[in-house]
Protein backbone atom coordinates (compact mmCIF):
# COMPACT_ATOMS: atom_id res chain seq x y z
CA UNK A 1 2.81 21.21 -0.76
CA UNK A 2 5.39 18.83 -1.64
CA UNK A 3 8.73 18.75 0.76
CA UNK A 4 12.22 17.50 0.20
CA UNK A 5 12.91 17.45 4.01
CA UNK A 6 10.95 16.64 7.08
CA UNK A 7 10.95 19.51 9.05
CA UNK A 8 10.72 19.76 12.77
CA UNK A 9 7.98 18.88 14.96
CA UNK A 10 6.14 17.60 11.94
CA UNK A 11 4.34 13.90 12.17
CA UNK A 12 5.26 11.73 9.57
CA UNK A 13 2.80 9.79 8.46
CA UNK A 14 3.02 6.73 6.00
CA UNK A 15 -0.14 6.18 4.15
CA UNK A 16 1.60 2.67 2.41
CA UNK A 17 0.12 -0.96 3.12
CA UNK A 18 1.71 -2.61 6.36
CA UNK A 19 3.76 -4.83 4.04
CA UNK A 20 5.30 -1.57 2.07
CA UNK A 21 5.77 0.16 5.69
CA UNK A 22 7.73 -3.18 7.29
CA UNK A 23 10.14 -3.03 4.95
CA UNK A 24 11.46 0.48 5.25
CA UNK A 25 10.25 3.61 7.00
CA UNK A 26 10.75 7.02 8.32
CA UNK A 27 11.91 6.72 11.69
CA UNK A 28 8.90 7.72 13.93
CA UNK A 29 6.37 7.20 10.91
CA UNK A 30 3.16 6.17 11.75
CA UNK A 31 1.45 4.04 9.60
CA UNK A 32 -2.05 4.60 7.95
CA UNK A 33 -2.45 3.06 4.90
CA UNK A 34 -4.63 5.41 2.21
CA UNK A 35 -8.33 3.30 2.76
CA UNK A 36 -7.90 4.03 6.34
CA UNK A 37 -6.21 7.07 6.70
CA UNK A 38 -9.48 8.92 7.42
CA UNK A 39 -11.14 7.15 9.64
CA UNK A 40 -7.83 7.03 11.77
CA UNK A 41 -7.16 10.93 11.13
CA UNK A 42 -10.49 11.89 13.13
CA UNK A 43 -8.19 10.82 16.38
CA UNK A 44 -5.63 13.58 14.91
CA UNK A 45 -5.25 17.50 15.77
CA UNK A 46 -6.16 19.44 12.70
CA UNK A 47 -3.75 21.85 13.24
CA UNK A 48 -1.23 19.67 13.60
CA UNK A 49 1.43 19.43 10.42
CA UNK A 50 1.59 16.18 8.84
CA UNK A 51 4.40 15.30 6.31
CA UNK A 52 2.48 12.25 4.34
CA UNK A 53 4.85 9.69 2.63
CA UNK A 54 4.06 6.58 0.35
CA UNK A 55 6.31 5.06 -1.84
CA UNK A 56 6.76 8.06 -5.13
CA UNK A 57 3.99 10.77 -3.91
CA UNK A 58 1.05 9.46 -5.24
CA UNK A 59 -1.01 8.25 -2.82
CA UNK A 60 0.58 10.49 -0.32
CA UNK A 61 -0.73 13.18 -2.29
CA UNK A 62 -4.24 11.70 -2.49
CA UNK A 63 -4.24 11.11 1.53
CA UNK A 64 -3.54 15.03 1.46
CA UNK A 65 -6.53 15.61 -1.08
CA UNK A 66 -8.68 13.46 1.27
CA UNK A 67 -7.24 15.05 4.83
CA UNK A 68 -7.85 18.92 2.66
CA UNK A 69 -11.37 18.51 3.35
CA UNK A 70 -11.50 17.36 6.97
CA UNK A 71 -10.51 20.53 7.75
CA UNK A 72 -6.31 19.32 8.10
CA UNK A 73 -4.47 22.29 7.39
CA UNK A 74 -0.77 21.94 7.45
CA UNK A 75 -0.21 19.18 5.59
CA UNK A 76 2.79 18.56 3.22
CA UNK A 77 3.87 15.37 0.91
CA UNK A 78 7.31 14.10 0.73
CA UNK A 79 8.58 14.66 -2.19
CA UNK A 80 9.76 11.26 -4.59
CA UNK A 81 8.12 9.27 -1.40
CA UNK A 82 10.38 6.24 0.10
CA UNK A 83 11.86 6.08 -3.22
CA UNK A 84 13.80 9.22 -3.22
CA UNK A 85 14.52 8.88 -0.07
CA UNK A 86 15.98 5.72 0.07
CA UNK A 87 17.88 6.99 -3.18
CA UNK A 88 19.26 9.88 -1.42
CA UNK A 89 20.86 6.90 1.24
CA UNK A 90 18.87 8.60 4.21
CA UNK A 91 17.57 6.51 7.30
CA UNK A 92 15.20 4.06 7.32
CA UNK A 93 14.03 1.52 10.13
CA UNK A 94 12.52 -1.93 9.48
CA UNK A 95 10.15 -3.95 11.26
CA UNK A 96 11.23 -7.51 13.46
CA UNK A 97 8.77 -9.42 11.32
CA UNK A 98 8.67 -8.42 7.41
CA UNK A 99 5.78 -10.18 5.44
CA UNK A 100 6.48 -11.56 1.64
CA UNK A 101 5.79 -8.71 -0.57
CA UNK A 102 2.64 -7.91 -2.36
CA UNK A 103 3.36 -8.68 -5.64
CA UNK A 104 5.10 -12.04 -4.39
CA UNK A 105 2.11 -12.84 -2.63
CA UNK A 106 -0.24 -12.20 -5.79
CA UNK A 107 2.00 -14.07 -8.04
CA UNK A 108 2.05 -17.28 -5.76
CA UNK A 109 -2.36 -17.06 -5.28
CA UNK A 110 -2.48 -16.25 -8.86
CA UNK A 111 -0.13 -19.02 -10.02
CA UNK A 112 -2.00 -21.52 -7.01
CA UNK A 113 -5.28 -20.84 -8.64
CA UNK A 114 -4.61 -21.01 -12.25
CA UNK A 115 -2.81 -24.50 -11.22
CA UNK A 116 -5.82 -25.47 -9.08
CA UNK A 117 -8.63 -24.40 -11.94
CA UNK A 118 -6.75 -25.92 -14.56
CA UNK A 119 -6.20 -29.34 -12.66
CA UNK A 120 -9.80 -29.66 -12.13
CA UNK A 121 -10.97 -28.69 -15.26
CA UNK A 122 -9.12 -31.71 -16.92
CA UNK A 123 -10.03 -34.06 -14.47
CA UNK A 124 -13.47 -33.12 -12.43
CA UNK A 125 -15.53 -30.55 -15.16
CA UNK A 126 -14.81 -28.10 -17.81
CA UNK A 127 -16.65 -25.35 -15.83
CA UNK A 128 -13.69 -25.20 -13.94
CA UNK A 129 -11.64 -23.61 -16.88
CA UNK A 130 -13.91 -20.90 -16.27
CA UNK A 131 -11.75 -19.73 -13.03
CA UNK A 132 -8.17 -20.26 -15.00
CA UNK A 133 -9.95 -17.63 -17.53
CA UNK A 134 -11.18 -15.25 -14.73
CA UNK A 135 -7.19 -15.03 -13.10
CA UNK A 136 -6.14 -14.27 -16.38
CA UNK A 137 -8.66 -11.22 -16.65
CA UNK A 138 -8.04 -10.11 -13.18
CA UNK A 139 -4.28 -10.04 -13.65
CA UNK A 140 -4.82 -8.10 -17.25
CA UNK A 141 -7.03 -5.66 -15.13
CA UNK A 142 -4.46 -5.10 -12.56
CA UNK A 143 -1.71 -4.76 -15.04
CA UNK A 144 -3.87 -1.89 -17.06
CA UNK A 145 -5.97 -0.28 -13.86
CA UNK A 146 -3.40 -0.74 -11.60
CA UNK A 147 -5.74 -1.83 -9.14
CA UNK A 148 -5.12 -5.14 -7.91
CA UNK A 149 -8.27 -6.90 -6.37
CA UNK A 150 -6.39 -9.95 -5.28
CA UNK A 151 -3.62 -7.81 -3.46
CA UNK A 152 -6.60 -5.96 -1.97
CA UNK A 153 -7.79 -9.30 -0.49
CA UNK A 154 -4.41 -10.51 0.34
CA UNK A 155 -4.00 -7.11 2.38
CA UNK A 156 -6.63 -8.13 4.63
CA UNK A 157 -5.08 -11.51 5.87
CA UNK A 158 -3.58 -11.22 9.74
CA UNK A 159 0.28 -11.45 8.24
CA UNK A 160 -0.29 -8.54 6.31
CA UNK A 161 -1.52 -6.23 9.13
CA UNK A 162 0.10 -4.29 11.80
């Protein structure tokens, strides 16, 4: 079920990653990244009304489906997610510590890997150029599939965790 407003008494569960959450979330929102939401939900009452929030609604819908199989009965997805919320000018809370956006971190890491493997390929051994190619293949895969393995790894680093 999609909602445009957050009903009174509902718990807001933000299923984005910490980097996104830190840049602006609903007041009182509970952070439960999509990859962790099922494990975190083990401690929540099954009858509690939950409004699931993400950037645009896709991850929140995935979380709704996962939690429905765990016995949660009152699950709602915020229509349009935080994008719509911000466009409407509704209030957001920002964390004091704001890490760089994940996309920015991926660009820096990918660029550094390309420069390093290219330099090593030109000076040490041509085999290092395989690394340059692998970074390129990974970026193409991320663009086509919308699954970024580098972002998954970077997301585990301490500065990207709550």
